[in-house]
Amino acid sequence: MSSNEAYHEPGAGGDGSGGSSGASAGGSQRSNQLHHQQILNETTYLKPAAKQAYFSDEKVLIPDDDSTNVGFSFRKLWAFTGPGFLMSIAYLDPGNIESDMQSGAAAKYKILWVLLWATVLGLLMQRLAARLGVVTGLHLAEMCYRQYKRLPRWILWIMIEIAIIGSDMQEVIGTAIAIYLLSNKVVPLWGGVLITIVDTFTFLFLDKYGLRKLEFLFGTLITIMAVSFGYEYIVSAPNQGEVLEGMFVPWCSHCNSNVLLQ
């Protein structure tokens, strides 16, 4: 018996009106499902014909074995960890580290609470962006392209470009200063800038070999930085009371404009 015959079989025992009513109800249900899917596609996904700006050619495979799918899985967690390493670079770039060092030299531990709450707000925004990407399948640039008209898109683009330029300036200068100091002033600042340009294009080139390799590289670098910071914290032995007070008490006594502008 074919699938169509099996579908119409329940109506065969009744009269013609019953069979017709069942077929009509089934057709209406399928039509509603197709209409709902069409609305879902139109509201959550862009097609290539709609000039979507970006399509990921490489999909990250998430292990999903029902036989071992019991409770928490470190294997699944690790599959999602790579993008977290890439995003954490935004908080660990040389420009931010240099800015933190300048703030510490000027205010000691008094404005650690600013760093704490800025990190919390950053995590909140990253979480919202991740949830938006999971639900829609689009990144923020694609969402702006789809939701805003041309004038707001241009304004957002100009604002983002200015923010990127400002961020890149401190990152490049911070890297150049770090190379200048680590080389015992042998490499000049302009040489550090050139080295920064070269390593930037090197990382872009590594992306061609696969996203996982790039994530592994950044994960290794972040691990080295974490170990270095932990060792430095132990060796420097800061006053724990002052650290906790500066982190959780939102106040900065005797802070002048030079401290607040760091």
Foldseek 3Di string as FASTA:
>chain_A
DDPVCVVQVVVPVDDPVSSVVVVVVVVVVVVVVVVVVVVLCVVQHDDVVNVQPDDDPDDQDADDDPVPPDPDDVSRVVSPCLVVLVVCCLCVFLLNVVVVVQLCVQQNLQQLQVVVVVVVVVVVVVVVQVVSCVSRVDHPLRVCVPPDDDVVNVVVVVVVVVVVVVSVVSRLQSQLVVVCVVVVNPQHSVNSSVVVVVVVVVLVVVVVVDSVVSSVVSVVVVVVVVVVVVVVCVVVVDDPVSNVCSNPPNDGPPDDPSSVVD
